[in-house]
Amino acid sequence: MDPLPNCRLCPRLVHYRENVLPKEKYQNQIYSKKPVPGFGDFCGRLFVLGLAPSSHGGNRTGRIFTGDDTGRFLFPILFEEGFANQPFSESSQDNLVLSDCYLTAAVKCAPPKDRPTPEEFSCCSGFWWQELQSLPHVQAVLLFGHLSFTVLQKELKKRKHLQHTLPFVHGKSYKIPSFPKVYLSYHPSPRNTLTGKLTKEMLKNVLQEIKRDFS
């Protein structure tokens, strides 16, 4: 279910992930520099699809949303909503446990400027789709950002679950035949959270709606 730890399908991503220079505060740490798999509750009802690991977060720690500002915004909210046992995620060894929730990304390697190419999205789609199909109890798929939603729609169209393109609107949800209900949120990246485009209450509202819809 995980991407191969030494996957080299995307030359641009491989070169970037392996040549990221550590930030000064991480000089004494060894960066993972490998594809970053998803993690969480394999019996969970919530599947969260983000964009990609960050250069000094997942690419350093080896765990998605761990050790970066996106995670510092996200995990306190997951904790408050009952999806995590602690409000922080700084290391893959920090005893974080997710409950009823699984986190992964549309692209498994850190991309330059946080922007994967369409070809890289396509190359990685089999990994996260297999993750989703391997989780037997998923009732809700939460997409962080319009790019993740675009990637999902491409896969749904390929598999005949969807015919028309749906618009991305934060807080909106869609019922798609023969597929878990889809929920949309702005990505909890600093460019959205520091500008107020995504607030804590906005994301909490989405998660609370998901919990209300659980059967």
N, C-alpha and C. Protein backbone atom coordinates (compact mmCIF):
# COMPACT_ATOMS: atom_id res chain seq x y z
N MET A 1 0.83 -1.20 0.00
CA MET A 1 0.00 0.00 0.00
C MET A 1 0.87 1.26 0.00
N ASP A 2 2.07 1.18 0.57
CA ASP A 2 2.94 2.35 0.60
C ASP A 2 3.71 2.47 -0.71
N PRO A 3 4.13 3.70 -1.06
CA PRO A 3 5.03 3.84 -2.21
C PRO A 3 6.35 3.15 -1.90
N LEU A 4 7.00 2.64 -2.91
CA LEU A 4 8.30 2.03 -2.69
C LEU A 4 9.24 3.05 -2.07
N PRO A 5 9.96 2.69 -1.00
CA PRO A 5 10.79 3.69 -0.31
C PRO A 5 11.89 4.27 -1.19
N ASN A 6 12.25 3.55 -2.24
CA ASN A 6 13.27 4.06 -3.14
C ASN A 6 12.72 4.35 -4.53
N CYS A 7 11.41 4.67 -4.60
CA CYS A 7 10.78 4.97 -5.89
C CYS A 7 11.50 6.12 -6.58
N ARG A 8 11.78 5.94 -7.88
CA ARG A 8 12.49 6.96 -8.65
C ARG A 8 11.76 7.25 -9.96
N LEU A 9 10.44 7.13 -9.94
CA LEU A 9 9.65 7.30 -11.16
C LEU A 9 9.66 8.73 -11.68
N CYS A 10 9.81 9.70 -10.79
CA CYS A 10 9.75 11.12 -11.19
C CYS A 10 11.12 11.76 -10.99
N PRO A 11 11.93 11.88 -12.03
CA PRO A 11 13.31 12.37 -11.88
C PRO A 11 13.41 13.74 -11.20
N ARG A 12 12.49 14.64 -11.53
CA ARG A 12 12.55 15.99 -10.93
C ARG A 12 12.35 15.91 -9.42
N LEU A 13 11.38 15.10 -8.98
CA LEU A 13 11.12 14.97 -7.55
C LEU A 13 12.25 14.26 -6.83
N VAL A 14 12.79 13.23 -7.46
CA VAL A 14 13.91 12.51 -6.85
C VAL A 14 15.10 13.45 -6.64
N HIS A 15 15.43 14.21 -7.66
CA HIS A 15 16.57 15.14 -7.55
C HIS A 15 16.31 16.17 -6.45
N TYR A 16 15.09 16.67 -6.40
CA TYR A 16 14.79 17.70 -5.40
C TYR A 16 14.82 17.15 -3.99
N ARG A 17 14.10 16.04 -3.75
CA ARG A 17 14.00 15.52 -2.38
C ARG A 17 15.37 15.14 -1.83
N GLU A 18 16.26 14.67 -2.70
CA GLU A 18 17.57 14.20 -2.25
C GLU A 18 18.59 15.31 -2.11
N ASN A 19 18.25 16.51 -2.59
CA ASN A 19 19.21 17.61 -2.56
C ASN A 19 18.73 18.83 -1.80
N VAL A 20 17.65 18.68 -1.04
CA VAL A 20 17.18 19.78 -0.20
C VAL A 20 18.23 20.06 0.88
N LEU A 21 18.64 21.30 1.00
CA LEU A 21 19.60 21.67 2.04
C LEU A 21 18.87 21.88 3.36
N PRO A 22 19.32 21.26 4.44
CA PRO A 22 18.64 21.42 5.73
C PRO A 22 18.61 22.88 6.18
N LYS A 23 17.49 23.25 6.81
CA LYS A 23 17.44 24.55 7.46
C LYS A 23 18.43 24.55 8.62
N GLU A 24 18.86 25.74 9.01
CA GLU A 24 19.87 25.85 10.06
C GLU A 24 19.45 25.12 11.33
N LYS A 25 18.17 25.24 11.72
CA LYS A 25 17.73 24.61 12.97
C LYS A 25 17.64 23.10 12.88
N TYR A 26 17.74 22.55 11.65
CA TYR A 26 17.69 21.10 11.48
C TYR A 26 19.04 20.53 11.03
N GLN A 27 20.11 21.31 11.17
CA GLN A 27 21.42 20.91 10.66
C GLN A 27 21.89 19.59 11.26
N ASN A 28 21.49 19.30 12.49
CA ASN A 28 21.95 18.08 13.16
C ASN A 28 21.03 16.90 12.93
N GLN A 29 20.01 17.08 12.10
CA GLN A 29 19.08 15.99 11.82
C GLN A 29 19.36 15.39 10.45
N ILE A 30 19.08 14.10 10.33
CA ILE A 30 19.21 13.41 9.05
C ILE A 30 17.86 13.43 8.35
N TYR A 31 17.80 14.03 7.19
CA TYR A 31 16.56 14.09 6.42
C TYR A 31 16.25 12.71 5.83
N SER A 32 14.97 12.36 5.83
CA SER A 32 14.53 11.09 5.25
C SER A 32 14.84 11.03 3.75
N LYS A 33 14.42 12.06 3.02
CA LYS A 33 14.66 12.19 1.57
C LYS A 33 14.10 11.01 0.78
N LYS A 34 12.98 10.47 1.24
CA LYS A 34 12.33 9.34 0.58
C LYS A 34 10.85 9.66 0.34
N PRO A 35 10.17 8.86 -0.48
CA PRO A 35 8.72 9.02 -0.59
C PRO A 35 8.07 8.88 0.78
N VAL A 36 7.03 9.65 1.02
CA VAL A 36 6.37 9.67 2.33
C VAL A 36 5.03 8.96 2.23
N PRO A 37 4.86 7.83 2.93
CA PRO A 37 3.59 7.11 2.88
C PRO A 37 2.53 7.77 3.74
N GLY A 38 1.30 7.35 3.56
CA GLY A 38 0.23 7.78 4.45
C GLY A 38 0.34 7.06 5.78
N PHE A 39 -0.44 7.53 6.75
CA PHE A 39 -0.48 6.86 8.06
C PHE A 39 -1.79 7.18 8.74
N GLY A 40 -2.12 6.36 9.74
CA GLY A 40 -3.33 6.61 10.51
C GLY A 40 -4.05 5.33 10.87
N ASP A 41 -5.34 5.46 11.09
CA ASP A 41 -6.19 4.36 11.54
C ASP A 41 -6.67 3.57 10.33
N PHE A 42 -6.23 2.33 10.22
CA PHE A 42 -6.60 1.51 9.06
C PHE A 42 -8.07 1.08 9.09
N CYS A 43 -8.73 1.32 10.21
CA CYS A 43 -10.17 1.08 10.29
C CYS A 43 -10.95 2.39 10.30
N GLY A 44 -10.29 3.49 10.01
CA GLY A 44 -10.91 4.81 10.10
C GLY A 44 -11.95 5.06 9.03
N ARG A 45 -12.87 5.96 9.36
CA ARG A 45 -13.94 6.34 8.42
C ARG A 45 -13.59 7.58 7.61
N LEU A 46 -12.56 8.31 8.03
CA LEU A 46 -12.17 9.54 7.35
C LEU A 46 -10.83 9.35 6.64
N PHE A 47 -10.82 9.63 5.34
CA PHE A 47 -9.61 9.57 4.52
C PHE A 47 -9.30 10.99 4.08
N VAL A 48 -8.12 11.49 4.42
CA VAL A 48 -7.73 12.87 4.10
C VAL A 48 -6.62 12.85 3.05
N LEU A 49 -6.85 13.56 1.96
CA LEU A 49 -5.86 13.63 0.89
C LEU A 49 -5.31 15.05 0.78
N GLY A 50 -4.03 15.20 1.12
CA GLY A 50 -3.37 16.48 0.98
C GLY A 50 -2.63 16.57 -0.35
N LEU A 51 -1.72 17.51 -0.45
CA LEU A 51 -1.03 17.74 -1.72
C LEU A 51 0.27 16.94 -1.83
N ALA A 52 1.24 17.23 -0.96
CA ALA A 52 2.56 16.59 -1.03
C ALA A 52 3.31 16.90 0.25
N PRO A 53 4.35 16.11 0.58
CA PRO A 53 5.18 16.44 1.74
C PRO A 53 5.89 17.77 1.53
N SER A 54 6.17 18.46 2.62
CA SER A 54 6.94 19.70 2.52
C SER A 54 8.43 19.37 2.59
N SER A 55 9.24 20.28 2.09
CA SER A 55 10.68 20.05 1.99
C SER A 55 11.33 19.77 3.33
N HIS A 56 10.91 20.51 4.37
CA HIS A 56 11.54 20.39 5.68
C HIS A 56 10.60 19.76 6.71
N GLY A 57 9.44 19.29 6.25
CA GLY A 57 8.50 18.57 7.09
C GLY A 57 8.59 17.09 6.79
N GLY A 58 7.66 16.60 5.96
CA GLY A 58 7.65 15.18 5.63
C GLY A 58 8.93 14.68 4.99
N ASN A 59 9.57 15.50 4.17
CA ASN A 59 10.83 15.09 3.55
C ASN A 59 11.95 14.93 4.57
N ARG A 60 11.79 15.58 5.71
CA ARG A 60 12.76 15.46 6.80
C ARG A 60 12.37 14.36 7.77
N THR A 61 11.11 14.36 8.22
CA THR A 61 10.68 13.45 9.28
C THR A 61 10.22 12.10 8.77
N GLY A 62 9.85 12.02 7.49
CA GLY A 62 9.36 10.77 6.94
C GLY A 62 7.89 10.52 7.20
N ARG A 63 7.18 11.52 7.73
CA ARG A 63 5.74 11.36 7.99
C ARG A 63 5.00 12.60 7.51
N ILE A 64 3.92 12.40 6.82
CA ILE A 64 3.18 13.50 6.21
C ILE A 64 2.66 14.48 7.26
N PHE A 65 2.72 15.77 6.96
CA PHE A 65 2.26 16.85 7.83
C PHE A 65 3.02 16.92 9.16
N THR A 66 4.15 16.26 9.25
CA THR A 66 4.88 16.18 10.52
C THR A 66 6.13 17.06 10.48
N GLY A 67 6.23 17.97 11.46
CA GLY A 67 7.39 18.83 11.57
C GLY A 67 7.35 20.06 10.70
N ASP A 68 6.14 20.46 10.26
CA ASP A 68 6.04 21.69 9.46
C ASP A 68 4.85 22.52 9.93
N ASP A 69 4.73 23.72 9.37
CA ASP A 69 3.69 24.64 9.83
C ASP A 69 2.29 24.18 9.46
N THR A 70 2.16 23.42 8.39
CA THR A 70 0.84 22.85 8.07
C THR A 70 0.39 21.92 9.19
N GLY A 71 1.28 21.06 9.64
CA GLY A 71 0.94 20.16 10.73
C GLY A 71 0.70 20.89 12.04
N ARG A 72 1.42 21.97 12.26
CA ARG A 72 1.23 22.73 13.51
C ARG A 72 -0.14 23.41 13.54
N PHE A 73 -0.71 23.65 12.38
CA PHE A 73 -2.09 24.15 12.31
C PHE A 73 -3.08 23.00 12.39
N LEU A 74 -2.78 21.91 11.69
CA LEU A 74 -3.74 20.81 11.53
C LEU A 74 -3.93 19.96 12.77
N PHE A 75 -2.84 19.53 13.41
CA PHE A 75 -2.98 18.52 14.45
C PHE A 75 -3.68 19.01 15.71
N PRO A 76 -3.53 20.26 16.14
CA PRO A 76 -4.37 20.71 17.26
C PRO A 76 -5.87 20.60 16.95
N ILE A 77 -6.23 20.83 15.69
CA ILE A 77 -7.65 20.73 15.31
C ILE A 77 -8.09 19.27 15.29
N LEU A 78 -7.26 18.39 14.74
CA LEU A 78 -7.60 16.97 14.76
C LEU A 78 -7.73 16.47 16.20
N PHE A 79 -6.86 16.95 17.08
CA PHE A 79 -6.94 16.58 18.50
C PHE A 79 -8.25 17.06 19.11
N GLU A 80 -8.60 18.30 18.88
CA GLU A 80 -9.83 18.85 19.45
C GLU A 80 -11.08 18.14 18.93
N GLU A 81 -11.02 17.65 17.71
CA GLU A 81 -12.18 16.97 17.12
C GLU A 81 -12.15 15.46 17.33
N GLY A 82 -11.18 14.97 18.10
CA GLY A 82 -11.16 13.56 18.48
C GLY A 82 -10.50 12.62 17.49
N PHE A 83 -9.78 13.17 16.52
CA PHE A 83 -9.12 12.33 15.52
C PHE A 83 -7.66 12.04 15.84
N ALA A 84 -7.11 12.65 16.88
CA ALA A 84 -5.71 12.44 17.25
C ALA A 84 -5.58 12.43 18.77
N ASN A 85 -4.57 11.72 19.27
CA ASN A 85 -4.39 11.59 20.71
C ASN A 85 -3.54 12.70 21.31
N GLN A 86 -2.99 13.58 20.46
CA GLN A 86 -2.18 14.69 20.95
C GLN A 86 -2.23 15.83 19.93
N PRO A 87 -2.00 17.06 20.37
CA PRO A 87 -2.18 18.22 19.48
C PRO A 87 -0.92 18.63 18.73
N PHE A 88 0.02 17.74 18.55
CA PHE A 88 1.26 18.09 17.85
C PHE A 88 1.81 16.88 17.10
N SER A 89 2.65 17.16 16.11
CA SER A 89 3.29 16.12 15.31
C SER A 89 4.61 16.67 14.80
N GLU A 90 5.66 16.46 15.56
CA GLU A 90 6.97 17.01 15.22
C GLU A 90 7.98 15.96 14.77
N SER A 91 7.72 14.70 15.11
CA SER A 91 8.65 13.63 14.78
C SER A 91 7.86 12.36 14.52
N SER A 92 8.38 11.50 13.67
CA SER A 92 7.69 10.23 13.42
C SER A 92 7.73 9.31 14.63
N GLN A 93 8.50 9.69 15.66
CA GLN A 93 8.61 8.90 16.88
C GLN A 93 7.94 9.58 18.08
N ASP A 94 7.01 10.48 17.81
CA ASP A 94 6.44 11.28 18.92
C ASP A 94 5.16 10.70 19.52
N ASN A 95 4.87 9.44 19.22
CA ASN A 95 3.73 8.72 19.82
C ASN A 95 2.37 9.23 19.36
N LEU A 96 2.32 9.96 18.26
CA LEU A 96 1.04 10.37 17.70
C LEU A 96 0.26 9.15 17.22
N VAL A 97 -1.02 9.12 17.58
CA VAL A 97 -1.93 8.07 17.11
C VAL A 97 -3.18 8.75 16.56
N LEU A 98 -3.54 8.42 15.34
CA LEU A 98 -4.77 8.93 14.76
C LEU A 98 -5.91 7.95 15.01
N SER A 99 -7.08 8.48 15.24
CA SER A 99 -8.27 7.66 15.51
C SER A 99 -9.36 7.98 14.51
N ASP A 100 -9.84 6.95 13.81
CA ASP A 100 -10.94 7.09 12.84
C ASP A 100 -10.54 7.97 11.66
N CYS A 101 -9.22 8.09 11.41
CA CYS A 101 -8.73 9.04 10.40
C CYS A 101 -7.43 8.52 9.80
N TYR A 102 -7.28 8.71 8.50
CA TYR A 102 -6.06 8.32 7.79
C TYR A 102 -5.62 9.49 6.93
N LEU A 103 -4.34 9.85 7.02
CA LEU A 103 -3.79 11.00 6.29
C LEU A 103 -2.81 10.53 5.21
N THR A 104 -2.92 11.12 4.03
CA THR A 104 -1.96 10.82 2.98
C THR A 104 -1.89 12.01 2.03
N ALA A 105 -1.13 11.86 0.95
CA ALA A 105 -0.94 12.97 0.01
C ALA A 105 -1.05 12.47 -1.42
N ALA A 106 -1.43 13.38 -2.31
CA ALA A 106 -1.60 13.04 -3.72
C ALA A 106 -0.27 12.76 -4.40
N VAL A 107 0.79 13.39 -3.90
CA VAL A 107 2.15 13.15 -4.39
C VAL A 107 3.01 12.80 -3.19
N LYS A 108 3.83 11.76 -3.30
CA LYS A 108 4.52 11.21 -2.14
C LYS A 108 5.89 11.82 -1.87
N CYS A 109 6.41 12.60 -2.81
CA CYS A 109 7.72 13.23 -2.61
C CYS A 109 7.58 14.74 -2.59
N ALA A 110 8.43 15.39 -1.83
CA ALA A 110 8.41 16.85 -1.75
C ALA A 110 8.73 17.45 -3.11
N PRO A 111 7.89 18.35 -3.63
CA PRO A 111 8.16 18.99 -4.92
C PRO A 111 8.78 20.37 -4.76
N PRO A 112 9.53 20.83 -5.74
CA PRO A 112 10.03 22.20 -5.71
C PRO A 112 8.89 23.20 -5.64
N LYS A 113 9.03 24.19 -4.76
CA LYS A 113 8.03 25.25 -4.60
C LYS A 113 6.64 24.71 -4.28
N ASP A 114 6.57 23.49 -3.72
CA ASP A 114 5.29 22.87 -3.34
C ASP A 114 4.35 22.70 -4.52
N ARG A 115 4.88 22.53 -5.71
CA ARG A 115 4.05 22.44 -6.91
C ARG A 115 4.42 21.21 -7.75
N PRO A 116 3.73 20.10 -7.58
CA PRO A 116 3.94 18.97 -8.48
C PRO A 116 3.43 19.30 -9.88
N THR A 117 3.97 18.63 -10.87
CA THR A 117 3.49 18.78 -12.24
C THR A 117 2.33 17.81 -12.48
N PRO A 118 1.53 18.04 -13.53
CA PRO A 118 0.46 17.08 -13.86
C PRO A 118 0.99 15.66 -14.04
N GLU A 119 2.16 15.53 -14.64
CA GLU A 119 2.74 14.20 -14.85
C GLU A 119 3.08 13.54 -13.51
N GLU A 120 3.55 14.32 -12.56
CA GLU A 120 3.89 13.76 -11.24
C GLU A 120 2.63 13.36 -10.48
N PHE A 121 1.58 14.15 -10.59
CA PHE A 121 0.31 13.74 -9.99
C PHE A 121 -0.14 12.41 -10.57
N SER A 122 -0.08 12.27 -11.88
CA SER A 122 -0.52 11.04 -12.54
C SER A 122 0.33 9.85 -12.13
N CYS A 123 1.63 10.08 -12.02
CA CYS A 123 2.55 9.00 -11.68
C CYS A 123 2.29 8.47 -10.27
N CYS A 124 1.84 9.33 -9.38
CA CYS A 124 1.64 8.96 -7.98
C CYS A 124 0.21 8.52 -7.67
N SER A 125 -0.70 8.70 -8.60
CA SER A 125 -2.11 8.48 -8.29
C SER A 125 -2.40 7.04 -7.87
N GLY A 126 -1.67 6.10 -8.43
CA GLY A 126 -1.90 4.71 -8.06
C GLY A 126 -1.62 4.41 -6.61
N PHE A 127 -0.66 5.14 -6.01
CA PHE A 127 -0.30 4.89 -4.62
C PHE A 127 -1.43 5.30 -3.68
N TRP A 128 -1.92 6.55 -3.79
CA TRP A 128 -2.96 6.97 -2.85
C TRP A 128 -4.28 6.29 -3.14
N TRP A 129 -4.55 5.98 -4.42
CA TRP A 129 -5.80 5.26 -4.73
C TRP A 129 -5.78 3.88 -4.09
N GLN A 130 -4.64 3.22 -4.12
CA GLN A 130 -4.53 1.91 -3.48
C GLN A 130 -4.70 2.03 -1.97
N GLU A 131 -4.15 3.10 -1.39
CA GLU A 131 -4.36 3.32 0.04
C GLU A 131 -5.84 3.42 0.34
N LEU A 132 -6.55 4.22 -0.44
CA LEU A 132 -7.98 4.40 -0.22
C LEU A 132 -8.73 3.08 -0.36
N GLN A 133 -8.43 2.32 -1.39
CA GLN A 133 -9.13 1.07 -1.62
C GLN A 133 -8.81 0.02 -0.56
N SER A 134 -7.69 0.17 0.12
CA SER A 134 -7.28 -0.80 1.13
C SER A 134 -7.89 -0.53 2.50
N LEU A 135 -8.57 0.59 2.65
CA LEU A 135 -9.19 0.95 3.93
C LEU A 135 -10.67 0.59 3.85
N PRO A 136 -11.13 -0.40 4.61
CA PRO A 136 -12.46 -0.97 4.38
C PRO A 136 -13.63 -0.16 4.90
N HIS A 137 -13.39 0.82 5.77
CA HIS A 137 -14.52 1.48 6.44
C HIS A 137 -14.66 2.97 6.10
N VAL A 138 -13.98 3.43 5.07
CA VAL A 138 -14.02 4.86 4.73
C VAL A 138 -15.42 5.29 4.31
N GLN A 139 -15.93 6.34 4.97
CA GLN A 139 -17.23 6.92 4.64
C GLN A 139 -17.08 8.35 4.10
N ALA A 140 -15.93 8.97 4.37
CA ALA A 140 -15.73 10.37 3.99
C ALA A 140 -14.32 10.56 3.44
N VAL A 141 -14.22 11.28 2.33
CA VAL A 141 -12.92 11.65 1.75
C VAL A 141 -12.82 13.17 1.80
N LEU A 142 -11.85 13.66 2.56
CA LEU A 142 -11.64 15.10 2.71
C LEU A 142 -10.46 15.52 1.85
N LEU A 143 -10.71 16.46 0.94
CA LEU A 143 -9.68 16.95 0.04
C LEU A 143 -9.17 18.29 0.53
N PHE A 144 -7.84 18.39 0.71
CA PHE A 144 -7.21 19.66 1.07
C PHE A 144 -6.76 20.36 -0.21
N GLY A 145 -7.49 21.37 -0.64
CA GLY A 145 -7.09 22.19 -1.77
C GLY A 145 -7.65 21.73 -3.10
N HIS A 146 -7.71 22.67 -4.04
CA HIS A 146 -8.32 22.37 -5.34
C HIS A 146 -7.48 21.42 -6.17
N LEU A 147 -6.17 21.39 -5.98
CA LEU A 147 -5.35 20.47 -6.76
C LEU A 147 -5.62 19.02 -6.37
N SER A 148 -5.76 18.75 -5.08
CA SER A 148 -6.10 17.40 -4.65
C SER A 148 -7.47 16.99 -5.17
N PHE A 149 -8.41 17.94 -5.18
CA PHE A 149 -9.75 17.66 -5.70
C PHE A 149 -9.69 17.37 -7.20
N THR A 150 -8.87 18.11 -7.92
CA THR A 150 -8.71 17.86 -9.36
C THR A 150 -8.16 16.46 -9.61
N VAL A 151 -7.18 16.06 -8.81
CA VAL A 151 -6.58 14.74 -8.95
C VAL A 151 -7.62 13.65 -8.66
N LEU A 152 -8.41 13.85 -7.62
CA LEU A 152 -9.45 12.87 -7.30
C LEU A 152 -10.45 12.75 -8.44
N GLN A 153 -10.89 13.89 -8.96
CA GLN A 153 -11.87 13.84 -10.04
C GLN A 153 -11.32 13.11 -11.27
N LYS A 154 -10.06 13.30 -11.55
CA LYS A 154 -9.45 12.59 -12.68
C LYS A 154 -9.54 11.08 -12.48
N GLU A 155 -9.25 10.63 -11.26
CA GLU A 155 -9.32 9.20 -10.98
C GLU A 155 -10.76 8.70 -11.02
N LEU A 156 -11.70 9.49 -10.52
CA LEU A 156 -13.10 9.08 -10.54
C LEU A 156 -13.62 8.98 -11.97
N LYS A 157 -13.23 9.91 -12.81
CA LYS A 157 -13.65 9.85 -14.22
C LYS A 157 -13.04 8.63 -14.91
N LYS A 158 -11.80 8.35 -14.61
CA LYS A 158 -11.13 7.20 -15.21
C LYS A 158 -11.86 5.90 -14.86
N ARG A 159 -12.43 5.85 -13.66
CA ARG A 159 -13.11 4.65 -13.19
C ARG A 159 -14.63 4.72 -13.34
N LYS A 160 -15.10 5.71 -14.09
CA LYS A 160 -16.52 5.86 -14.44
C LYS A 160 -17.41 6.16 -13.24
N HIS A 161 -16.83 6.69 -12.16
CA HIS A 161 -17.64 7.13 -11.02
C HIS A 161 -18.19 8.53 -11.23
N LEU A 162 -17.59 9.28 -12.15
CA LEU A 162 -17.93 10.69 -12.33
C LEU A 162 -17.84 11.04 -13.81
N GLN A 163 -18.81 11.85 -14.28
CA GLN A 163 -18.81 12.24 -15.68
C GLN A 163 -18.46 13.72 -15.88
N HIS A 164 -18.94 14.57 -14.97
CA HIS A 164 -18.77 16.01 -15.14
C HIS A 164 -17.81 16.57 -14.09
N THR A 165 -17.12 17.63 -14.42
CA THR A 165 -16.21 18.28 -13.48
C THR A 165 -17.00 19.09 -12.46
N LEU A 166 -16.65 18.90 -11.20
CA LEU A 166 -17.32 19.59 -10.09
C LEU A 166 -16.46 20.76 -9.63
N PRO A 167 -17.08 21.88 -9.24
CA PRO A 167 -16.29 23.04 -8.80
C PRO A 167 -15.78 22.86 -7.38
N PHE A 168 -14.60 23.43 -7.13
CA PHE A 168 -14.05 23.43 -5.77
C PHE A 168 -14.61 24.63 -5.01
N VAL A 169 -15.26 24.36 -3.89
CA VAL A 169 -15.77 25.40 -3.00
C VAL A 169 -15.50 24.94 -1.58
N HIS A 170 -14.75 25.73 -0.82
CA HIS A 170 -14.47 25.34 0.56
C HIS A 170 -15.77 25.10 1.32
N GLY A 171 -15.81 24.00 2.06
CA GLY A 171 -16.97 23.67 2.88
C GLY A 171 -18.05 22.90 2.16
N LYS A 172 -17.91 22.73 0.86
CA LYS A 172 -18.92 22.02 0.09
C LYS A 172 -18.67 20.51 0.16
N SER A 173 -19.72 19.74 0.01
CA SER A 173 -19.60 18.28 -0.05
C SER A 173 -20.37 17.76 -1.25
N TYR A 174 -19.94 16.60 -1.70
CA TYR A 174 -20.58 15.97 -2.87
C TYR A 174 -20.85 14.50 -2.59
N LYS A 175 -22.02 14.05 -3.00
CA LYS A 175 -22.32 12.62 -2.99
C LYS A 175 -22.07 12.09 -4.40
N ILE A 176 -21.19 11.11 -4.48
CA ILE A 176 -20.81 10.53 -5.76
C ILE A 176 -21.18 9.05 -5.74
N PRO A 177 -21.88 8.56 -6.75
CA PRO A 177 -22.32 7.15 -6.75
C PRO A 177 -21.16 6.18 -6.56
N SER A 178 -21.39 5.19 -5.71
CA SER A 178 -20.42 4.10 -5.47
C SER A 178 -19.08 4.61 -4.97
N PHE A 179 -19.13 5.69 -4.18
CA PHE A 179 -17.89 6.27 -3.64
C PHE A 179 -18.23 6.96 -2.32
N PRO A 180 -17.28 7.01 -1.37
CA PRO A 180 -17.54 7.74 -0.12
C PRO A 180 -17.87 9.21 -0.40
N LYS A 181 -18.61 9.83 0.51
CA LYS A 181 -18.95 11.24 0.35
C LYS A 181 -17.68 12.08 0.37
N VAL A 182 -17.63 13.09 -0.49
CA VAL A 182 -16.45 13.93 -0.65
C VAL A 182 -16.68 15.29 0.00
N TYR A 183 -15.70 15.76 0.76
CA TYR A 183 -15.76 17.05 1.45
C TYR A 183 -14.55 17.88 1.03
N LEU A 184 -14.75 19.19 0.95
CA LEU A 184 -13.70 20.07 0.45
C LEU A 184 -13.27 21.10 1.49
N SER A 185 -11.96 21.31 1.57
CA SER A 185 -11.41 22.36 2.44
C SER A 185 -10.22 23.00 1.75
N TYR A 186 -10.04 24.29 2.00
CA TYR A 186 -8.77 24.90 1.60
C TYR A 186 -7.63 24.12 2.27
N HIS A 187 -6.50 24.09 1.62
CA HIS A 187 -5.35 23.39 2.19
C HIS A 187 -4.84 24.16 3.42
N PRO A 188 -4.53 23.45 4.52
CA PRO A 188 -4.05 24.14 5.73
C PRO A 188 -2.58 24.51 5.67
N SER A 189 -2.15 25.04 4.55
CA SER A 189 -0.77 25.48 4.39
C SER A 189 -0.62 26.90 4.93
N PRO A 190 0.60 27.32 5.26
CA PRO A 190 0.78 28.67 5.79
C PRO A 190 0.24 29.76 4.87
N ARG A 191 0.34 29.56 3.55
CA ARG A 191 -0.14 30.62 2.65
C ARG A 191 -1.65 30.84 2.79
N ASN A 192 -2.36 29.84 3.29
CA ASN A 192 -3.80 30.00 3.53
C ASN A 192 -4.11 30.36 4.98
N THR A 193 -3.39 29.75 5.93
CA THR A 193 -3.72 29.98 7.33
C THR A 193 -3.19 31.33 7.83
N LEU A 194 -2.04 31.76 7.34
CA LEU A 194 -1.47 33.03 7.80
C LEU A 194 -2.18 34.23 7.19
N THR A 195 -2.85 34.02 6.08
CA THR A 195 -3.59 35.11 5.43
C THR A 195 -5.05 35.14 5.84
N GLY A 196 -5.49 34.14 6.61
CA GLY A 196 -6.88 34.09 7.04
C GLY A 196 -7.82 33.47 6.03
N LYS A 197 -7.27 32.98 4.93
CA LYS A 197 -8.14 32.31 3.95
C LYS A 197 -8.74 31.05 4.55
N LEU A 198 -7.97 30.35 5.37
CA LEU A 198 -8.47 29.21 6.14
C LEU A 198 -8.22 29.47 7.61
N THR A 199 -9.27 29.50 8.39
CA THR A 199 -9.15 29.67 9.84
C THR A 199 -9.40 28.35 10.55
N LYS A 200 -9.04 28.33 11.81
CA LYS A 200 -9.27 27.14 12.63
C LYS A 200 -10.75 26.77 12.63
N GLU A 201 -11.62 27.75 12.80
CA GLU A 201 -13.05 27.46 12.86
C GLU A 201 -13.57 26.93 11.53
N MET A 202 -13.03 27.42 10.42
CA MET A 202 -13.47 26.93 9.11
C MET A 202 -13.18 25.44 8.95
N LEU A 203 -11.99 25.02 9.35
CA LEU A 203 -11.65 23.60 9.23
C LEU A 203 -12.41 22.77 10.25
N LYS A 204 -12.56 23.28 11.46
CA LYS A 204 -13.33 22.56 12.47
C LYS A 204 -14.77 22.34 11.99
N ASN A 205 -15.34 23.33 11.34
CA ASN A 205 -16.71 23.19 10.84
C ASN A 205 -16.83 22.06 9.83
N VAL A 206 -15.82 21.92 8.96
CA VAL A 206 -15.84 20.83 7.99
C VAL A 206 -15.75 19.48 8.70
N LEU A 207 -14.84 19.37 9.65
CA LEU A 207 -14.68 18.11 10.38
C LEU A 207 -15.92 17.78 11.20
N GLN A 208 -16.55 18.77 11.76
CA GLN A 208 -17.78 18.53 12.53
C GLN A 208 -18.92 18.06 11.62
N GLU A 209 -18.99 18.61 10.42
CA GLU A 209 -19.99 18.13 9.47
C GLU A 209 -19.74 16.67 9.10
N ILE A 210 -18.48 16.34 8.89
CA ILE A 210 -18.13 14.95 8.57
C ILE A 210 -18.57 14.02 9.69
N LYS A 211 -18.30 14.39 10.93
CA LYS A 211 -18.67 13.54 12.06
C LYS A 211 -20.18 13.39 12.17
N ARG A 212 -20.92 14.46 11.90
CA ARG A 212 -22.38 14.37 11.93
C ARG A 212 -22.91 13.41 10.87
N ASP A 213 -22.21 13.35 9.75
CA ASP A 213 -22.66 12.51 8.64
C ASP A 213 -22.26 11.04 8.80
N PHE A 214 -21.34 10.75 9.71
CA PHE A 214 -20.94 9.36 9.91
C PHE A 214 -22.15 8.52 10.32
N SER A 215 -22.21 7.30 9.77
CA SER A 215 -23.29 6.39 10.18
C SER A 215 -22.76 5.39 11.20
